[in-house]
Amino acid sequence: IGTSEVEMVLATQCLLQRKPQTLDVRVHGRLCAGVTAKDLVLA
C-alpha cells in the first residue's frame, strides 16, 4: 500500500479497496535437481 494508506491503517485498522478478480495458477510436476522455486515463479 501507499504512504497515505499506511496512515489510514494505523488510524482506523481499515482500508477501502476494490474487490479484485481471481486467478488460479495450477503448477504440476516436481522441481528437478538444480531447479528452484525462483525458476518456477520466473516461468
ModelCIF file with pLDDT and N, C-alpha, C, O atoms, coordinates in Angstrom:
data_MODEL
#
_entry.id   MODEL 
#
_entity.id                         1 
_entity.type                       polymer 
_entity.pdbx_number_of_molecules   1 
#
_entity_poly.entity_id                      1 
_entity_poly.type                           'polypeptide(L)' 
_entity_poly.nstd_linkage                   no 
_entity_poly.nstd_monomer                   no 
_entity_poly.pdbx_seq_one_letter_code       IGTSEVEMVLATQCLLQRKPQTLDVRVHGRLCAGVTAKDLVLA 
_entity_poly.pdbx_seq_one_letter_code_can   IGTSEVEMVLATQCLLQRKPQTLDVRVHGRLCAGVTAKDLVLA 
_entity_poly.pdbx_strand_id                 A 
#
loop_
_entity_poly_seq.entity_id 
_entity_poly_seq.num 
_entity_poly_seq.mon_id 
_entity_poly_seq.hetero 
1 1  ILE n 
1 2  GLY n 
1 3  THR n 
1 4  SER n 
1 5  GLU n 
1 6  VAL n 
1 7  GLU n 
1 8  MET n 
1 9  VAL n 
1 10 LEU n 
1 11 ALA n 
1 12 THR n 
1 13 GLN n 
1 14 CYS n 
1 15 LEU n 
1 16 LEU n 
1 17 GLN n 
1 18 ARG n 
1 19 LYS n 
1 20 PRO n 
1 21 GLN n 
1 22 THR n 
1 23 LEU n 
1 24 ASP n 
1 25 VAL n 
1 26 ARG n 
1 27 VAL n 
1 28 HIS n 
1 29 GLY n 
1 30 ARG n 
1 31 LEU n 
1 32 CYS n 
1 33 ALA n 
1 34 GLY n 
1 35 VAL n 
1 36 THR n 
1 37 ALA n 
1 38 LYS n 
1 39 ASP n 
1 40 LEU n 
1 41 VAL n 
1 42 LEU n 
1 43 ALA n 
#
_struct_asym.id          A 
_struct_asym.entity_id   1 
#
loop_
_ma_qa_metric.id 
_ma_qa_metric.mode 
_ma_qa_metric.name 
_ma_qa_metric.software_group_id 
_ma_qa_metric.type 
1 global pLDDT . pLDDT 
2 local  pLDDT . pLDDT 
#
_ma_qa_metric_global.metric_id      1 
_ma_qa_metric_global.metric_value   95.79 
_ma_qa_metric_global.model_id       1 
_ma_qa_metric_global.ordinal_id     1 
#
loop_
_ma_qa_metric_local.label_asym_id 
_ma_qa_metric_local.label_comp_id 
_ma_qa_metric_local.label_seq_id 
_ma_qa_metric_local.metric_id 
_ma_qa_metric_local.metric_value 
_ma_qa_metric_local.model_id 
_ma_qa_metric_local.ordinal_id 
A ILE 1  2 97.00 1 1  
A GLY 2  2 94.00 1 2  
A THR 3  2 90.00 1 3  
A SER 4  2 94.00 1 4  
A GLU 5  2 96.00 1 5  
A VAL 6  2 93.00 1 6  
A GLU 7  2 93.00 1 7  
A MET 8  2 95.00 1 8  
A VAL 9  2 95.00 1 9  
A LEU 10 2 92.00 1 10 
A ALA 11 2 93.00 1 11 
A THR 12 2 95.00 1 12 
A GLN 13 2 93.00 1 13 
A CYS 14 2 94.00 1 14 
A LEU 15 2 94.00 1 15 
A LEU 16 2 93.00 1 16 
A GLN 17 2 92.00 1 17 
A ARG 18 2 93.00 1 18 
A LYS 19 2 95.00 1 19 
A PRO 20 2 96.00 1 20 
A GLN 21 2 98.00 1 21 
A THR 22 2 98.00 1 22 
A LEU 23 2 98.00 1 23 
A ASP 24 2 98.00 1 24 
A VAL 25 2 98.00 1 25 
A ARG 26 2 98.00 1 26 
A VAL 27 2 98.00 1 27 
A HIS 28 2 97.00 1 28 
A GLY 29 2 97.00 1 29 
A ARG 30 2 95.00 1 30 
A LEU 31 2 96.00 1 31 
A CYS 32 2 96.00 1 32 
A ALA 33 2 96.00 1 33 
A GLY 34 2 97.00 1 34 
A VAL 35 2 98.00 1 35 
A THR 36 2 98.00 1 36 
A ALA 37 2 98.00 1 37 
A LYS 38 2 98.00 1 38 
A ASP 39 2 98.00 1 39 
A LEU 40 2 98.00 1 40 
A VAL 41 2 98.00 1 41 
A LEU 42 2 98.00 1 42 
A ALA 43 2 98.00 1 43 
#
loop_
_atom_site.group_PDB 
_atom_site.id 
_atom_site.type_symbol 
_atom_site.label_atom_id 
_atom_site.label_alt_id 
_atom_site.label_comp_id 
_atom_site.label_asym_id 
_atom_site.label_entity_id 
_atom_site.label_seq_id 
_atom_site.pdbx_PDB_ins_code 
_atom_site.Cartn_x 
_atom_site.Cartn_y 
_atom_site.Cartn_z 
_atom_site.occupancy 
_atom_site.B_iso_or_equiv 
_atom_site.pdbx_formal_charge 
_atom_site.auth_seq_id 
_atom_site.auth_comp_id 
_atom_site.auth_asym_id 
_atom_site.auth_atom_id 
_atom_site.pdbx_PDB_model_num 
ATOM 1   N N  . ILE A 1 1  ? 0.844   -1.192  0.000   1.00 97.00 ? 1  ILE A N  1 
ATOM 2   C CA . ILE A 1 1  ? 0.000   0.000   0.000   1.00 97.00 ? 1  ILE A CA 1 
ATOM 3   C C  . ILE A 1 1  ? 0.881   1.244   0.000   1.00 97.00 ? 1  ILE A C  1 
ATOM 4   O O  . ILE A 1 1  ? 2.083   1.164   0.252   1.00 97.00 ? 1  ILE A O  1 
ATOM 5   N N  . GLY A 1 2  ? 0.271   2.397   -0.285  1.00 94.00 ? 2  GLY A N  1 
ATOM 6   C CA . GLY A 1 2  ? 0.998   3.661   -0.317  1.00 94.00 ? 2  GLY A CA 1 
ATOM 7   C C  . GLY A 1 2  ? 1.064   4.319   1.050   1.00 94.00 ? 2  GLY A C  1 
ATOM 8   O O  . GLY A 1 2  ? 0.441   3.861   2.008   1.00 94.00 ? 2  GLY A O  1 
ATOM 9   N N  . THR A 1 3  ? 1.835   5.409   1.127   1.00 90.00 ? 3  THR A N  1 
ATOM 10  C CA . THR A 1 3  ? 2.062   6.089   2.404   1.00 90.00 ? 3  THR A CA 1 
ATOM 11  C C  . THR A 1 3  ? 0.769   6.596   3.033   1.00 90.00 ? 3  THR A C  1 
ATOM 12  O O  . THR A 1 3  ? 0.567   6.436   4.237   1.00 90.00 ? 3  THR A O  1 
ATOM 13  N N  . SER A 1 4  ? -0.110  7.206   2.236   1.00 94.00 ? 4  SER A N  1 
ATOM 14  C CA . SER A 1 4  ? -1.367  7.720   2.791   1.00 94.00 ? 4  SER A CA 1 
ATOM 15  C C  . SER A 1 4  ? -2.242  6.573   3.281   1.00 94.00 ? 4  SER A C  1 
ATOM 16  O O  . SER A 1 4  ? -2.998  6.732   4.240   1.00 94.00 ? 4  SER A O  1 
ATOM 17  N N  . GLU A 1 5  ? -2.141  5.411   2.624   1.00 96.00 ? 5  GLU A N  1 
ATOM 18  C CA . GLU A 1 5  ? -2.916  4.249   3.065   1.00 96.00 ? 5  GLU A CA 1 
ATOM 19  C C  . GLU A 1 5  ? -2.361  3.681   4.372   1.00 96.00 ? 5  GLU A C  1 
ATOM 20  O O  . GLU A 1 5  ? -3.116  3.191   5.212   1.00 96.00 ? 5  GLU A O  1 
ATOM 21  N N  . VAL A 1 6  ? -1.039  3.747   4.539   1.00 93.00 ? 6  VAL A N  1 
ATOM 22  C CA . VAL A 1 6  ? -0.434  3.329   5.812   1.00 93.00 ? 6  VAL A CA 1 
ATOM 23  C C  . VAL A 1 6  ? -1.010  4.166   6.952   1.00 93.00 ? 6  VAL A C  1 
ATOM 24  O O  . VAL A 1 6  ? -1.342  3.644   8.016   1.00 93.00 ? 6  VAL A O  1 
ATOM 25  N N  . GLU A 1 7  ? -1.123  5.469   6.713   1.00 93.00 ? 7  GLU A N  1 
ATOM 26  C CA . GLU A 1 7  ? -1.710  6.366   7.713   1.00 93.00 ? 7  GLU A CA 1 
ATOM 27  C C  . GLU A 1 7  ? -3.136  5.945   8.053   1.00 93.00 ? 7  GLU A C  1 
ATOM 28  O O  . GLU A 1 7  ? -3.534  5.948   9.218   1.00 93.00 ? 7  GLU A O  1 
ATOM 29  N N  . MET A 1 8  ? -3.901  5.582   7.020   1.00 95.00 ? 8  MET A N  1 
ATOM 30  C CA . MET A 1 8  ? -5.288  5.182   7.243   1.00 95.00 ? 8  MET A CA 1 
ATOM 31  C C  . MET A 1 8  ? -5.373  3.895   8.055   1.00 95.00 ? 8  MET A C  1 
ATOM 32  O O  . MET A 1 8  ? -6.228  3.767   8.931   1.00 95.00 ? 8  MET A O  1 
ATOM 33  N N  . VAL A 1 9  ? -4.496  2.950   7.770   1.00 95.00 ? 9  VAL A N  1 
ATOM 34  C CA . VAL A 1 9  ? -4.493  1.680   8.503   1.00 95.00 ? 9  VAL A CA 1 
ATOM 35  C C  . VAL A 1 9  ? -4.133  1.903   9.971   1.00 95.00 ? 9  VAL A C  1 
ATOM 36  O O  . VAL A 1 9  ? -4.768  1.345   10.866  1.00 95.00 ? 9  VAL A O  1 
ATOM 37  N N  . LEU A 1 10 ? -3.106  2.724   10.210  1.00 92.00 ? 10 LEU A N  1 
ATOM 38  C CA . LEU A 1 10 ? -2.689  2.980   11.589  1.00 92.00 ? 10 LEU A CA 1 
ATOM 39  C C  . LEU A 1 10 ? -3.793  3.698   12.366  1.00 92.00 ? 10 LEU A C  1 
ATOM 40  O O  . LEU A 1 10 ? -3.953  3.487   13.569  1.00 92.00 ? 10 LEU A O  1 
ATOM 41  N N  . ALA A 1 11 ? -4.545  4.538   11.678  1.00 93.00 ? 11 ALA A N  1 
ATOM 42  C CA . ALA A 1 11 ? -5.576  5.322   12.366  1.00 93.00 ? 11 ALA A CA 1 
ATOM 43  C C  . ALA A 1 11 ? -6.858  4.535   12.586  1.00 93.00 ? 11 ALA A C  1 
ATOM 44  O O  . ALA A 1 11 ? -7.529  4.721   13.601  1.00 93.00 ? 11 ALA A O  1 
ATOM 45  N N  . THR A 1 12 ? -7.212  3.652   11.646  1.00 95.00 ? 12 THR A N  1 
ATOM 46  C CA . THR A 1 12 ? -8.542  3.034   11.684  1.00 95.00 ? 12 THR A CA 1 
ATOM 47  C C  . THR A 1 12 ? -8.553  1.510   11.633  1.00 95.00 ? 12 THR A C  1 
ATOM 48  O O  . THR A 1 12 ? -9.577  0.891   11.922  1.00 95.00 ? 12 THR A O  1 
ATOM 49  N N  . GLN A 1 13 ? -7.425  0.898   11.269  1.00 93.00 ? 13 GLN A N  1 
ATOM 50  C CA . GLN A 1 13 ? -7.372  -0.549  11.021  1.00 93.00 ? 13 GLN A CA 1 
ATOM 51  C C  . GLN A 1 13 ? -8.268  -0.961  9.848   1.00 93.00 ? 13 GLN A C  1 
ATOM 52  O O  . GLN A 1 13 ? -8.616  -2.134  9.711   1.00 93.00 ? 13 GLN A O  1 
ATOM 53  N N  . CYS A 1 14 ? -8.634  -0.008  9.016   1.00 94.00 ? 14 CYS A N  1 
ATOM 54  C CA . CYS A 1 14 ? -9.473  -0.276  7.849   1.00 94.00 ? 14 CYS A CA 1 
ATOM 55  C C  . CYS A 1 14 ? -8.832  0.326   6.602   1.00 94.00 ? 14 CYS A C  1 
ATOM 56  O O  . CYS A 1 14 ? -8.009  1.237   6.689   1.00 94.00 ? 14 CYS A O  1 
ATOM 57  N N  . LEU A 1 15 ? -9.221  -0.196  5.448   1.00 94.00 ? 15 LEU A N  1 
ATOM 58  C CA . LEU A 1 15 ? -8.674  0.296   4.186   1.00 94.00 ? 15 LEU A CA 1 
ATOM 59  C C  . LEU A 1 15 ? -9.690  0.037   3.074   1.00 94.00 ? 15 LEU A C  1 
ATOM 60  O O  . LEU A 1 15 ? -10.121 -1.098  2.870   1.00 94.00 ? 15 LEU A O  1 
ATOM 61  N N  . LEU A 1 16 ? -10.063 1.080   2.370   1.00 93.00 ? 16 LEU A N  1 
ATOM 62  C CA . LEU A 1 16 ? -11.016 0.940   1.277   1.00 93.00 ? 16 LEU A CA 1 
ATOM 63  C C  . LEU A 1 16 ? -10.332 0.296   0.071   1.00 93.00 ? 16 LEU A C  1 
ATOM 64  O O  . LEU A 1 16 ? -9.284  0.759   -0.378  1.00 93.00 ? 16 LEU A O  1 
ATOM 65  N N  . GLN A 1 17 ? -10.937 -0.779  -0.449  1.00 92.00 ? 17 GLN A N  1 
ATOM 66  C CA . GLN A 1 17 ? -10.356 -1.496  -1.585  1.00 92.00 ? 17 GLN A CA 1 
ATOM 67  C C  . GLN A 1 17 ? -11.436 -1.881  -2.582  1.00 92.00 ? 17 GLN A C  1 
ATOM 68  O O  . GLN A 1 17 ? -12.597 -2.071  -2.218  1.00 92.00 ? 17 GLN A O  1 
ATOM 69  N N  . ARG A 1 18 ? -11.039 -1.993  -3.842  1.00 93.00 ? 18 ARG A N  1 
ATOM 70  C CA . ARG A 1 18 ? -11.915 -2.591  -4.849  1.00 93.00 ? 18 ARG A CA 1 
ATOM 71  C C  . ARG A 1 18 ? -11.702 -4.101  -4.839  1.00 93.00 ? 18 ARG A C  1 
ATOM 72  O O  . ARG A 1 18 ? -10.571 -4.572  -4.727  1.00 93.00 ? 18 ARG A O  1 
ATOM 73  N N  . LYS A 1 19 ? -12.774 -4.844  -4.954  1.00 95.00 ? 19 LYS A N  1 
ATOM 74  C CA . LYS A 1 19 ? -12.650 -6.294  -4.955  1.00 95.00 ? 19 LYS A CA 1 
ATOM 75  C C  . LYS A 1 19 ? -11.899 -6.754  -6.207  1.00 95.00 ? 19 LYS A C  1 
ATOM 76  O O  . LYS A 1 19 ? -12.314 -6.435  -7.321  1.00 95.00 ? 19 LYS A O  1 
ATOM 77  N N  . PRO A 1 20 ? -10.800 -7.497  -6.041  1.00 96.00 ? 20 PRO A N  1 
ATOM 78  C CA . PRO A 1 20 ? -10.041 -7.951  -7.205  1.00 96.00 ? 20 PRO A CA 1 
ATOM 79  C C  . PRO A 1 20 ? -10.680 -9.168  -7.853  1.00 96.00 ? 20 PRO A C  1 
ATOM 80  O O  . PRO A 1 20 ? -11.537 -9.823  -7.259  1.00 96.00 ? 20 PRO A O  1 
ATOM 81  N N  . GLN A 1 21 ? -10.260 -9.462  -9.061  1.00 98.00 ? 21 GLN A N  1 
ATOM 82  C CA . GLN A 1 21 ? -10.634 -10.717 -9.709  1.00 98.00 ? 21 GLN A CA 1 
ATOM 83  C C  . GLN A 1 21 ? -9.704  -11.821 -9.207  1.00 98.00 ? 21 GLN A C  1 
ATOM 84  O O  . GLN A 1 21 ? -8.702  -11.553 -8.543  1.00 98.00 ? 21 GLN A O  1 
ATOM 85  N N  . THR A 1 22 ? -10.047 -13.042 -9.529  1.00 98.00 ? 22 THR A N  1 
ATOM 86  C CA . THR A 1 22 ? -9.278  -14.185 -9.034  1.00 98.00 ? 22 THR A CA 1 
ATOM 87  C C  . THR A 1 22 ? -8.625  -14.930 -10.195 1.00 98.00 ? 22 THR A C  1 
ATOM 88  O O  . THR A 1 22 ? -9.229  -15.123 -11.251 1.00 98.00 ? 22 THR A O  1 
ATOM 89  N N  . LEU A 1 23 ? -7.376  -15.345 -9.974  1.00 98.00 ? 23 LEU A N  1 
ATOM 90  C CA . LEU A 1 23 ? -6.602  -16.061 -10.989 1.00 98.00 ? 23 LEU A CA 1 
ATOM 91  C C  . LEU A 1 23 ? -6.032  -17.325 -10.360 1.00 98.00 ? 23 LEU A C  1 
ATOM 92  O O  . LEU A 1 23 ? -5.241  -17.261 -9.419  1.00 98.00 ? 23 LEU A O  1 
ATOM 93  N N  . ASP A 1 24 ? -6.439  -18.466 -10.887 1.00 98.00 ? 24 ASP A N  1 
ATOM 94  C CA . ASP A 1 24 ? -5.988  -19.768 -10.389 1.00 98.00 ? 24 ASP A CA 1 
ATOM 95  C C  . ASP A 1 24 ? -4.790  -20.219 -11.222 1.00 98.00 ? 24 ASP A C  1 
ATOM 96  O O  . ASP A 1 24 ? -4.924  -20.458 -12.422 1.00 98.00 ? 24 ASP A O  1 
ATOM 97  N N  . VAL A 1 25 ? -3.630  -20.336 -10.596 1.00 98.00 ? 25 VAL A N  1 
ATOM 98  C CA . VAL A 1 25 ? -2.432  -20.835 -11.279 1.00 98.00 ? 25 VAL A CA 1 
ATOM 99  C C  . VAL A 1 25 ? -2.102  -22.203 -10.708 1.00 98.00 ? 25 VAL A C  1 
ATOM 100 O O  . VAL A 1 25 ? -1.653  -22.319 -9.567  1.00 98.00 ? 25 VAL A O  1 
ATOM 101 N N  . ARG A 1 26 ? -2.325  -23.229 -11.501 1.00 98.00 ? 26 ARG A N  1 
ATOM 102 C CA . ARG A 1 26 ? -2.050  -24.608 -11.077 1.00 98.00 ? 26 ARG A CA 1 
ATOM 103 C C  . ARG A 1 26 ? -0.712  -25.052 -11.671 1.00 98.00 ? 26 ARG A C  1 
ATOM 104 O O  . ARG A 1 26 ? -0.520  -25.033 -12.886 1.00 98.00 ? 26 ARG A O  1 
ATOM 105 N N  . VAL A 1 27 ? 0.197   -25.446 -10.800 1.00 98.00 ? 27 VAL A N  1 
ATOM 106 C CA . VAL A 1 27 ? 1.537   -25.846 -11.238 1.00 98.00 ? 27 VAL A CA 1 
ATOM 107 C C  . VAL A 1 27 ? 1.719   -27.325 -10.923 1.00 98.00 ? 27 VAL A C  1 
ATOM 108 O O  . VAL A 1 27 ? 1.623   -27.743 -9.770  1.00 98.00 ? 27 VAL A O  1 
ATOM 109 N N  . HIS A 1 28 ? 1.979   -28.098 -11.951 1.00 97.00 ? 28 HIS A N  1 
ATOM 110 C CA . HIS A 1 28 ? 2.074   -29.548 -11.807 1.00 97.00 ? 28 HIS A CA 1 
ATOM 111 C C  . HIS A 1 28 ? 3.507   -30.017 -12.057 1.00 97.00 ? 28 HIS A C  1 
ATOM 112 O O  . HIS A 1 28 ? 4.303   -29.326 -12.692 1.00 97.00 ? 28 HIS A O  1 
ATOM 113 N N  . GLY A 1 29 ? 3.812   -31.202 -11.546 1.00 97.00 ? 29 GLY A N  1 
ATOM 114 C CA . GLY A 1 29 ? 5.153   -31.762 -11.713 1.00 97.00 ? 29 GLY A CA 1 
ATOM 115 C C  . GLY A 1 29 ? 5.982   -31.563 -10.466 1.00 97.00 ? 29 GLY A C  1 
ATOM 116 O O  . GLY A 1 29 ? 5.453   -31.271 -9.393  1.00 97.00 ? 29 GLY A O  1 
ATOM 117 N N  . ARG A 1 30 ? 7.294   -31.722 -10.612 1.00 95.00 ? 30 ARG A N  1 
ATOM 118 C CA . ARG A 1 30 ? 8.192   -31.583 -9.474  1.00 95.00 ? 30 ARG A CA 1 
ATOM 119 C C  . ARG A 1 30 ? 9.499   -30.965 -9.948  1.00 95.00 ? 30 ARG A C  1 
ATOM 120 O O  . ARG A 1 30 ? 9.948   -31.223 -11.065 1.00 95.00 ? 30 ARG A O  1 
ATOM 121 N N  . LEU A 1 31 ? 10.107  -30.147 -9.091  1.00 96.00 ? 31 LEU A N  1 
ATOM 122 C CA . LEU A 1 31 ? 11.362  -29.492 -9.454  1.00 96.00 ? 31 LEU A CA 1 
ATOM 123 C C  . LEU A 1 31 ? 12.486  -30.517 -9.570  1.00 96.00 ? 31 LEU A C  1 
ATOM 124 O O  . LEU A 1 31 ? 12.652  -31.372 -8.700  1.00 96.00 ? 31 LEU A O  1 
ATOM 125 N N  . CYS A 1 32 ? 13.249  -30.423 -10.647 1.00 96.00 ? 32 CYS A N  1 
ATOM 126 C CA . CYS A 1 32 ? 14.395  -31.300 -10.851 1.00 96.00 ? 32 CYS A CA 1 
ATOM 127 C C  . CYS A 1 32 ? 15.618  -30.732 -10.125 1.00 96.00 ? 32 CYS A C  1 
ATOM 128 O O  . CYS A 1 32 ? 15.588  -29.590 -9.666  1.00 96.00 ? 32 CYS A O  1 
ATOM 129 N N  . ALA A 1 33 ? 16.676  -31.510 -10.019 1.00 96.00 ? 33 ALA A N  1 
ATOM 130 C CA . ALA A 1 33 ? 17.912  -31.060 -9.380  1.00 96.00 ? 33 ALA A CA 1 
ATOM 131 C C  . ALA A 1 33 ? 18.433  -29.814 -10.093 1.00 96.00 ? 33 ALA A C  1 
ATOM 132 O O  . ALA A 1 33 ? 18.477  -29.765 -11.323 1.00 96.00 ? 33 ALA A O  1 
ATOM 133 N N  . GLY A 1 34 ? 18.822  -28.817 -9.319  1.00 97.00 ? 34 GLY A N  1 
ATOM 134 C CA . GLY A 1 34 ? 19.351  -27.578 -9.883  1.00 97.00 ? 34 GLY A CA 1 
ATOM 135 C C  . GLY A 1 34 ? 18.296  -26.564 -10.256 1.00 97.00 ? 34 GLY A C  1 
ATOM 136 O O  . GLY A 1 34 ? 18.623  -25.449 -10.660 1.00 97.00 ? 34 GLY A O  1 
ATOM 137 N N  . VAL A 1 35 ? 17.018  -26.937 -10.125 1.00 98.00 ? 35 VAL A N  1 
ATOM 138 C CA . VAL A 1 35 ? 15.901  -26.051 -10.456 1.00 98.00 ? 35 VAL A CA 1 
ATOM 139 C C  . VAL A 1 35 ? 15.194  -25.698 -9.154  1.00 98.00 ? 35 VAL A C  1 
ATOM 140 O O  . VAL A 1 35 ? 14.946  -26.571 -8.323  1.00 98.00 ? 35 VAL A O  1 
ATOM 141 N N  . THR A 1 36 ? 14.869  -24.427 -8.975  1.00 98.00 ? 36 THR A N  1 
ATOM 142 C CA . THR A 1 36 ? 14.365  -23.937 -7.698  1.00 98.00 ? 36 THR A CA 1 
ATOM 143 C C  . THR A 1 36 ? 13.005  -23.250 -7.841  1.00 98.00 ? 36 THR A C  1 
ATOM 144 O O  . THR A 1 36 ? 12.459  -23.110 -8.936  1.00 98.00 ? 36 THR A O  1 
ATOM 145 N N  . ALA A 1 37 ? 12.484  -22.829 -6.684  1.00 98.00 ? 37 ALA A N  1 
ATOM 146 C CA . ALA A 1 37 ? 11.226  -22.073 -6.687  1.00 98.00 ? 37 ALA A CA 1 
ATOM 147 C C  . ALA A 1 37 ? 11.365  -20.767 -7.445  1.00 98.00 ? 37 ALA A C  1 
ATOM 148 O O  . ALA A 1 37 ? 10.389  -20.282 -8.017  1.00 98.00 ? 37 ALA A O  1 
ATOM 149 N N  . LYS A 1 38 ? 12.554  -20.188 -7.461  1.00 98.00 ? 38 LYS A N  1 
ATOM 150 C CA . LYS A 1 38 ? 12.781  -18.950 -8.224  1.00 98.00 ? 38 LYS A CA 1 
ATOM 151 C C  . LYS A 1 38 ? 12.579  -19.218 -9.710  1.00 98.00 ? 38 LYS A C  1 
ATOM 152 O O  . LYS A 1 38 ? 11.978  -18.407 -10.415 1.00 98.00 ? 38 LYS A O  1 
ATOM 153 N N  . ASP A 1 39 ? 13.077  -20.348 -10.183 1.00 98.00 ? 39 ASP A N  1 
ATOM 154 C CA . ASP A 1 39 ? 12.875  -20.710 -11.584 1.00 98.00 ? 39 ASP A CA 1 
ATOM 155 C C  . ASP A 1 39 ? 11.400  -20.954 -11.869 1.00 98.00 ? 39 ASP A C  1 
ATOM 156 O O  . ASP A 1 39 ? 10.893  -20.590 -12.930 1.00 98.00 ? 39 ASP A O  1 
ATOM 157 N N  . LEU A 1 40 ? 10.715  -21.578 -10.904 1.00 98.00 ? 40 LEU A N  1 
ATOM 158 C CA . LEU A 1 40 ? 9.284   -21.847 -11.064 1.00 98.00 ? 40 LEU A CA 1 
ATOM 159 C C  . LEU A 1 40 ? 8.506   -20.550 -11.249 1.00 98.00 ? 40 LEU A C  1 
ATOM 160 O O  . LEU A 1 40 ? 7.696   -20.440 -12.168 1.00 98.00 ? 40 LEU A O  1 
ATOM 161 N N  . VAL A 1 41 ? 8.746   -19.568 -10.381 1.00 98.00 ? 41 VAL A N  1 
ATOM 162 C CA . VAL A 1 41 ? 7.958   -18.339 -10.464 1.00 98.00 ? 41 VAL A CA 1 
ATOM 163 C C  . VAL A 1 41 ? 8.363   -17.504 -11.681 1.00 98.00 ? 41 VAL A C  1 
ATOM 164 O O  . VAL A 1 41 ? 7.520   -16.813 -12.252 1.00 98.00 ? 41 VAL A O  1 
ATOM 165 N N  . LEU A 1 42 ? 9.627   -17.553 -12.086 1.00 98.00 ? 42 LEU A N  1 
ATOM 166 C CA . LEU A 1 42 ? 10.013  -16.873 -13.324 1.00 98.00 ? 42 LEU A CA 1 
ATOM 167 C C  . LEU A 1 42 ? 9.288   -17.496 -14.524 1.00 98.00 ? 42 LEU A C  1 
ATOM 168 O O  . LEU A 1 42 ? 8.900   -16.789 -15.455 1.00 98.00 ? 42 LEU A O  1 
ATOM 169 N N  . ALA A 1 43 ? 9.107   -18.826 -14.495 1.00 98.00 ? 43 ALA A N  1 
ATOM 170 C CA . ALA A 1 43 ? 8.375   -19.499 -15.570 1.00 98.00 ? 43 ALA A CA 1 
ATOM 171 C C  . ALA A 1 43 ? 6.910   -19.076 -15.570 1.00 98.00 ? 43 ALA A C  1 
ATOM 172 O O  . ALA A 1 43 ? 6.134   -19.539 -16.405 1.00 98.00 ? 43 ALA A O  1 
#
